[in-house]
Amino acid sequence: MELEDYGPNLKEMIRQLREKAVQPILMTSNPFLPAAKNVGLKPYIEACRNVARDEGVPLIDVYQAFAELTIEGNQLPKMYY
């Protein structure tokens, strides 16, 4: 999906869920390994965060959690990449 369509698409899904009295929850993608693959992913991560903030929707920021693991020097077992 093109980036310019991603945010509006998330907002439409949120609208439809709310119409049905369903609590939407957004979740970012996990990062790719090697890290160079994340260049194209990062704008989508930011768009998801922005939509969650703008719409008042809970966000599970998996991308941030993995980033924190890396910053803290923790290594993922080889089975994860």
N, C-alpha and C. Protein backbone atom coordinates (compact mmCIF):
# COMPACT_ATOMS: atom_id res chain seq x y z
N MET A 1 0.84 -1.16 0.00
CA MET A 1 0.00 0.00 0.00
C MET A 1 0.90 1.24 0.00
N GLU A 2 0.49 2.23 -0.77
CA GLU A 2 1.24 3.48 -0.83
C GLU A 2 1.11 4.22 0.50
N LEU A 3 2.17 4.91 0.90
CA LEU A 3 2.20 5.60 2.18
C LEU A 3 1.07 6.62 2.30
N GLU A 4 0.78 7.34 1.22
CA GLU A 4 -0.27 8.37 1.30
C GLU A 4 -1.65 7.78 1.55
N ASP A 5 -1.82 6.49 1.27
CA ASP A 5 -3.10 5.81 1.51
C ASP A 5 -3.15 5.13 2.87
N TYR A 6 -2.00 4.91 3.49
CA TYR A 6 -1.92 4.11 4.71
C TYR A 6 -2.65 4.74 5.89
N GLY A 7 -2.35 5.99 6.20
CA GLY A 7 -3.00 6.68 7.32
C GLY A 7 -4.51 6.77 7.14
N PRO A 8 -4.98 7.28 5.97
CA PRO A 8 -6.43 7.33 5.76
C PRO A 8 -7.10 5.96 5.82
N ASN A 9 -6.40 4.92 5.38
CA ASN A 9 -6.95 3.57 5.44
C ASN A 9 -7.12 3.12 6.90
N LEU A 10 -6.10 3.39 7.72
CA LEU A 10 -6.21 3.07 9.14
C LEU A 10 -7.37 3.82 9.78
N LYS A 11 -7.51 5.10 9.45
CA LYS A 11 -8.60 5.92 10.01
C LYS A 11 -9.96 5.37 9.60
N GLU A 12 -10.08 4.91 8.38
CA GLU A 12 -11.36 4.34 7.93
C GLU A 12 -11.66 3.04 8.67
N MET A 13 -10.65 2.22 8.88
CA MET A 13 -10.88 0.98 9.64
C MET A 13 -11.30 1.30 11.07
N ILE A 14 -10.67 2.31 11.66
CA ILE A 14 -11.03 2.72 13.02
C ILE A 14 -12.47 3.19 13.05
N ARG A 15 -12.86 4.00 12.07
CA ARG A 15 -14.24 4.50 12.00
C ARG A 15 -15.23 3.36 11.93
N GLN A 16 -14.95 2.38 11.06
CA GLN A 16 -15.86 1.25 10.90
C GLN A 16 -15.95 0.42 12.18
N LEU A 17 -14.83 0.21 12.85
CA LEU A 17 -14.84 -0.55 14.10
C LEU A 17 -15.64 0.18 15.17
N ARG A 18 -15.45 1.48 15.27
CA ARG A 18 -16.18 2.26 16.26
C ARG A 18 -17.68 2.25 16.00
N GLU A 19 -18.06 2.25 14.73
CA GLU A 19 -19.49 2.15 14.39
C GLU A 19 -20.12 0.89 14.96
N LYS A 20 -19.32 -0.15 15.08
CA LYS A 20 -19.79 -1.44 15.58
C LYS A 20 -19.48 -1.61 17.08
N ALA A 21 -19.10 -0.51 17.71
CA ALA A 21 -18.78 -0.50 19.15
C ALA A 21 -17.60 -1.42 19.49
N VAL A 22 -16.65 -1.50 18.58
CA VAL A 22 -15.44 -2.30 18.79
C VAL A 22 -14.29 -1.34 19.10
N GLN A 23 -13.51 -1.64 20.12
CA GLN A 23 -12.36 -0.81 20.48
C GLN A 23 -11.17 -1.17 19.58
N PRO A 24 -10.80 -0.28 18.67
CA PRO A 24 -9.63 -0.57 17.83
C PRO A 24 -8.33 -0.41 18.63
N ILE A 25 -7.34 -1.19 18.25
CA ILE A 25 -5.99 -1.10 18.81
C ILE A 25 -5.03 -1.20 17.63
N LEU A 26 -4.11 -0.28 17.54
CA LEU A 26 -3.12 -0.33 16.46
C LEU A 26 -1.82 -0.90 17.00
N MET A 27 -1.07 -1.52 16.09
CA MET A 27 0.21 -2.13 16.45
C MET A 27 1.20 -1.87 15.32
N THR A 28 2.37 -1.40 15.66
CA THR A 28 3.40 -1.21 14.65
C THR A 28 4.03 -2.55 14.29
N SER A 29 4.64 -2.57 13.15
CA SER A 29 5.35 -3.76 12.69
C SER A 29 6.64 -3.91 13.48
N ASN A 30 7.12 -5.13 13.56
CA ASN A 30 8.45 -5.33 14.12
C ASN A 30 9.48 -4.96 13.06
N PRO A 31 10.66 -4.53 13.46
CA PRO A 31 11.70 -4.17 12.49
C PRO A 31 12.25 -5.40 11.80
N PHE A 32 12.84 -5.14 10.65
CA PHE A 32 13.49 -6.20 9.88
C PHE A 32 14.97 -6.27 10.24
N LEU A 33 15.55 -7.40 10.01
CA LEU A 33 16.99 -7.56 10.11
C LEU A 33 17.49 -8.03 8.75
N PRO A 34 18.52 -7.46 8.22
CA PRO A 34 19.34 -6.41 8.79
C PRO A 34 18.58 -5.07 8.82
N ALA A 35 19.06 -4.16 9.66
CA ALA A 35 18.39 -2.89 9.90
C ALA A 35 18.22 -2.05 8.65
N ALA A 36 19.05 -2.22 7.66
CA ALA A 36 18.95 -1.43 6.42
C ALA A 36 17.60 -1.63 5.74
N LYS A 37 16.95 -2.75 5.99
CA LYS A 37 15.64 -3.02 5.38
C LYS A 37 14.54 -2.15 5.97
N ASN A 38 14.81 -1.47 7.08
CA ASN A 38 13.79 -0.68 7.76
C ASN A 38 13.58 0.71 7.18
N VAL A 39 14.42 1.11 6.24
CA VAL A 39 14.32 2.45 5.66
C VAL A 39 12.92 2.70 5.10
N GLY A 40 12.38 1.77 4.36
CA GLY A 40 11.06 1.93 3.79
C GLY A 40 9.93 1.71 4.78
N LEU A 41 10.23 1.03 5.86
CA LEU A 41 9.22 0.72 6.88
C LEU A 41 8.97 1.89 7.82
N LYS A 42 10.00 2.66 8.13
CA LYS A 42 9.90 3.70 9.14
C LYS A 42 8.79 4.73 8.87
N PRO A 43 8.57 5.18 7.64
CA PRO A 43 7.46 6.12 7.42
C PRO A 43 6.10 5.52 7.77
N TYR A 44 5.93 4.23 7.58
CA TYR A 44 4.67 3.57 7.94
C TYR A 44 4.53 3.46 9.46
N ILE A 45 5.64 3.24 10.14
CA ILE A 45 5.62 3.19 11.59
C ILE A 45 5.18 4.54 12.14
N GLU A 46 5.76 5.62 11.60
CA GLU A 46 5.39 6.97 12.05
C GLU A 46 3.93 7.27 11.72
N ALA A 47 3.47 6.85 10.57
CA ALA A 47 2.07 7.08 10.20
C ALA A 47 1.14 6.37 11.16
N CYS A 48 1.47 5.16 11.54
CA CYS A 48 0.66 4.39 12.49
C CYS A 48 0.63 5.10 13.84
N ARG A 49 1.77 5.55 14.30
CA ARG A 49 1.85 6.28 15.58
C ARG A 49 1.00 7.55 15.53
N ASN A 50 1.09 8.27 14.42
CA ASN A 50 0.33 9.51 14.27
C ASN A 50 -1.18 9.25 14.28
N VAL A 51 -1.61 8.23 13.58
CA VAL A 51 -3.04 7.90 13.55
C VAL A 51 -3.52 7.51 14.94
N ALA A 52 -2.74 6.71 15.63
CA ALA A 52 -3.12 6.30 16.99
C ALA A 52 -3.28 7.53 17.88
N ARG A 53 -2.33 8.44 17.79
CA ARG A 53 -2.39 9.66 18.60
C ARG A 53 -3.59 10.53 18.20
N ASP A 54 -3.75 10.76 16.90
CA ASP A 54 -4.84 11.62 16.41
C ASP A 54 -6.22 11.06 16.72
N GLU A 55 -6.35 9.74 16.67
CA GLU A 55 -7.65 9.10 16.86
C GLU A 55 -7.88 8.65 18.30
N GLY A 56 -6.88 8.81 19.17
CA GLY A 56 -7.04 8.38 20.55
C GLY A 56 -7.18 6.88 20.70
N VAL A 57 -6.41 6.17 19.87
CA VAL A 57 -6.47 4.70 19.84
C VAL A 57 -5.24 4.15 20.55
N PRO A 58 -5.39 3.12 21.38
CA PRO A 58 -4.21 2.50 21.99
C PRO A 58 -3.25 1.98 20.92
N LEU A 59 -1.96 2.10 21.20
CA LEU A 59 -0.93 1.66 20.27
C LEU A 59 0.01 0.69 20.97
N ILE A 60 0.23 -0.44 20.35
CA ILE A 60 1.26 -1.38 20.77
C ILE A 60 2.44 -1.13 19.84
N ASP A 61 3.47 -0.49 20.36
CA ASP A 61 4.60 -0.09 19.53
C ASP A 61 5.70 -1.15 19.57
N VAL A 62 5.49 -2.19 18.80
CA VAL A 62 6.43 -3.30 18.73
C VAL A 62 7.78 -2.83 18.18
N TYR A 63 7.73 -1.94 17.20
CA TYR A 63 8.97 -1.43 16.62
C TYR A 63 9.83 -0.78 17.69
N GLN A 64 9.22 0.06 18.53
CA GLN A 64 9.96 0.73 19.60
C GLN A 64 10.52 -0.27 20.61
N ALA A 65 9.74 -1.27 20.94
CA ALA A 65 10.21 -2.28 21.90
C ALA A 65 11.46 -2.99 21.38
N PHE A 66 11.47 -3.34 20.09
CA PHE A 66 12.65 -3.98 19.51
C PHE A 66 13.82 -3.00 19.48
N ALA A 67 13.55 -1.72 19.19
CA ALA A 67 14.61 -0.71 19.17
C ALA A 67 15.23 -0.59 20.55
N GLU A 68 14.41 -0.60 21.59
CA GLU A 68 14.93 -0.51 22.94
C GLU A 68 15.80 -1.72 23.29
N LEU A 69 15.42 -2.88 22.84
CA LEU A 69 16.26 -4.07 23.07
C LEU A 69 17.64 -3.88 22.46
N THR A 70 17.66 -3.33 21.27
CA THR A 70 18.92 -3.11 20.57
C THR A 70 19.77 -2.09 21.30
N ILE A 71 19.14 -0.99 21.74
CA ILE A 71 19.86 0.06 22.45
C ILE A 71 20.46 -0.49 23.73
N GLU A 72 19.74 -1.36 24.39
CA GLU A 72 20.22 -1.93 25.64
C GLU A 72 21.27 -3.01 25.43
N GLY A 73 21.57 -3.31 24.17
CA GLY A 73 22.61 -4.27 23.87
C GLY A 73 22.15 -5.71 23.89
N ASN A 74 20.86 -5.92 23.99
CA ASN A 74 20.36 -7.29 23.97
C ASN A 74 20.36 -7.81 22.55
N GLN A 75 20.71 -9.04 22.38
CA GLN A 75 20.73 -9.65 21.06
C GLN A 75 19.59 -10.66 20.96
N LEU A 76 18.92 -10.64 19.82
CA LEU A 76 17.88 -11.63 19.60
C LEU A 76 18.51 -12.93 19.17
N PRO A 77 17.97 -14.04 19.63
CA PRO A 77 18.49 -15.32 19.17
C PRO A 77 18.37 -15.44 17.66
N LYS A 78 19.26 -16.18 17.05
CA LYS A 78 19.28 -16.35 15.59
C LYS A 78 17.94 -16.82 15.03
N MET A 79 17.14 -17.52 15.82
CA MET A 79 15.87 -18.03 15.32
C MET A 79 14.92 -16.90 14.94
N TYR A 80 15.15 -15.67 15.39
CA TYR A 80 14.25 -14.56 15.09
C TYR A 80 14.62 -13.82 13.82
N TYR A 81 15.71 -14.17 13.18
CA TYR A 81 16.05 -13.51 11.92
C TYR A 81 16.80 -14.41 10.99
